């Protein structure tokens, strides 16, 4: 079955960086676009970055443009999210997903 396992979250100060990873299995990785989502306390989940099957097409929500970078390694079946210049408003649980599947998430907390 489809499995998505996120890692790399943690507590950082404003301006810091984190790199999230999402290891996948149970599907043909090369055939799917993948998306990073986040859900902040008291808010709905939102998609923040999407990468196409080959990585040629990438989209970001405006709030993370210029700070976050999504990438994928098809050989490792893993998608990444490099997050720089983190702000307290980036505090959320971060998930990777495709179609209706989501991982369990990894907590990112940015202190001021």
Protein backbone atom coordinates (compact mmCIF):
# COMPACT_ATOMS: atom_id res chain seq x y z
CA UNK A 1 0.00 0.00 0.00
CA UNK A 2 0.99 3.62 -0.38
CA UNK A 3 3.24 4.82 2.43
CA UNK A 4 4.57 8.32 2.99
CA UNK A 5 6.92 8.96 5.90
CA UNK A 6 8.00 12.51 6.69
CA UNK A 7 11.01 13.45 8.78
CA UNK A 8 13.25 16.41 9.50
CA UNK A 9 10.98 18.66 11.50
CA UNK A 10 11.98 20.33 14.73
CA UNK A 11 12.30 23.55 16.68
CA UNK A 12 14.26 26.40 15.11
CA UNK A 13 14.63 30.12 15.68
CA UNK A 14 13.35 32.77 13.30
CA UNK A 15 15.59 32.90 10.27
CA UNK A 16 16.72 29.32 10.63
CA UNK A 17 16.53 26.45 8.18
CA UNK A 18 15.21 22.92 8.08
CA UNK A 19 15.15 20.24 5.41
CA UNK A 20 12.16 17.92 5.39
CA UNK A 21 12.19 14.53 3.71
CA UNK A 22 9.33 12.29 2.64
CA UNK A 23 10.26 8.69 1.96
CA UNK A 24 7.70 6.81 -0.10
CA UNK A 25 6.77 3.27 -1.08
CA UNK A 26 3.89 1.28 -2.51
CA UNK A 27 3.46 3.12 -5.83
CA UNK A 28 5.41 3.98 -8.96
CA UNK A 29 7.10 7.13 -7.73
CA UNK A 30 8.15 8.42 -11.15
CA UNK A 31 4.52 8.54 -12.32
CA UNK A 32 3.20 11.04 -9.79
CA UNK A 33 3.45 14.66 -8.92
CA UNK A 34 3.94 15.21 -5.19
CA UNK A 35 2.84 17.99 -2.89
CA UNK A 36 3.92 19.31 0.47
CA UNK A 37 1.07 20.52 2.69
CA UNK A 38 1.01 22.17 6.07
CA UNK A 39 -1.58 22.64 8.76
CA UNK A 40 -1.09 25.35 11.34
CA UNK A 41 -2.90 25.25 14.70
CA UNK A 42 -6.54 26.17 14.27
CA UNK A 43 -6.27 26.38 10.48
CA UNK A 44 -7.08 24.16 7.55
CA UNK A 45 -4.45 22.21 5.69
CA UNK A 46 -2.98 24.06 2.70
CA UNK A 47 -0.81 22.89 -0.19
CA UNK A 48 2.44 24.86 -0.24
CA UNK A 49 4.63 23.27 -2.91
CA UNK A 50 4.09 20.83 -5.75
CA UNK A 51 6.62 19.15 -8.02
CA UNK A 52 5.84 17.31 -11.26
CA UNK A 53 6.94 13.78 -12.08
CA UNK A 54 10.26 14.86 -13.59
CA UNK A 55 10.72 17.97 -11.48
CA UNK A 56 10.33 20.21 -14.51
CA UNK A 57 7.25 21.97 -13.15
CA UNK A 58 7.21 23.38 -9.63
CA UNK A 59 4.64 25.60 -7.95
CA UNK A 60 4.65 27.35 -4.60
CA UNK A 61 2.09 29.19 -2.56
CA UNK A 62 3.00 32.87 -2.39
CA UNK A 63 3.80 32.78 1.32
CA UNK A 64 6.80 30.46 0.81
CA UNK A 65 8.11 31.61 -2.58
CA UNK A 66 11.78 32.50 -2.47
CA UNK A 67 12.27 30.76 0.90
CA UNK A 68 11.25 27.13 0.34
CA UNK A 69 12.52 24.72 -2.33
CA UNK A 70 10.85 21.45 -3.25
CA UNK A 71 12.88 18.73 -4.95
CA UNK A 72 12.69 15.01 -5.60
CA UNK A 73 15.03 12.09 -6.05
CA UNK A 74 13.28 9.50 -8.18
CA UNK A 75 15.99 6.91 -7.54
CA UNK A 76 15.45 7.20 -3.79
CA UNK A 77 11.65 7.66 -4.11
CA UNK A 78 11.95 10.65 -1.82
CA UNK A 79 10.71 14.22 -1.99
CA UNK A 80 12.33 17.06 -0.05
CA UNK A 81 11.41 20.50 1.20
CA UNK A 82 14.28 22.85 1.98
CA UNK A 83 12.97 25.65 4.18
CA UNK A 84 15.08 28.77 4.70
CA UNK A 85 14.44 32.10 6.41
CA UNK A 86 11.80 30.47 8.59
CA UNK A 87 9.23 32.65 10.31
CA UNK A 88 7.00 31.96 13.34
CA UNK A 89 4.01 31.84 10.97
CA UNK A 90 5.59 28.79 9.30
CA UNK A 91 4.87 26.80 12.47
CA UNK A 92 2.72 23.86 11.42
CA UNK A 93 2.59 20.13 10.85
CA UNK A 94 4.04 19.44 7.41
CA UNK A 95 2.80 16.54 5.28
CA UNK A 96 3.66 15.15 1.90
CA UNK A 97 0.96 13.73 -0.28
CA UNK A 98 -0.32 12.49 -3.58
CA UNK A 99 -3.96 12.13 -4.57
CA UNK A 100 -5.82 11.24 -1.35
CA UNK A 101 -2.78 9.89 0.49
CA UNK A 102 -0.94 11.77 3.23
CA UNK A 103 1.85 10.89 5.60
CA UNK A 104 1.65 11.26 9.36
CA UNK A 105 3.38 14.62 9.25
CA UNK A 106 6.35 16.20 10.94
CA UNK A 107 6.09 19.16 13.34
CA UNK A 108 7.92 22.37 12.52
CA UNK A 109 8.04 25.03 15.21
CA UNK A 110 9.67 28.40 14.63
CA UNK A 111 10.31 30.51 17.69
CA UNK A 112 10.54 34.27 17.66
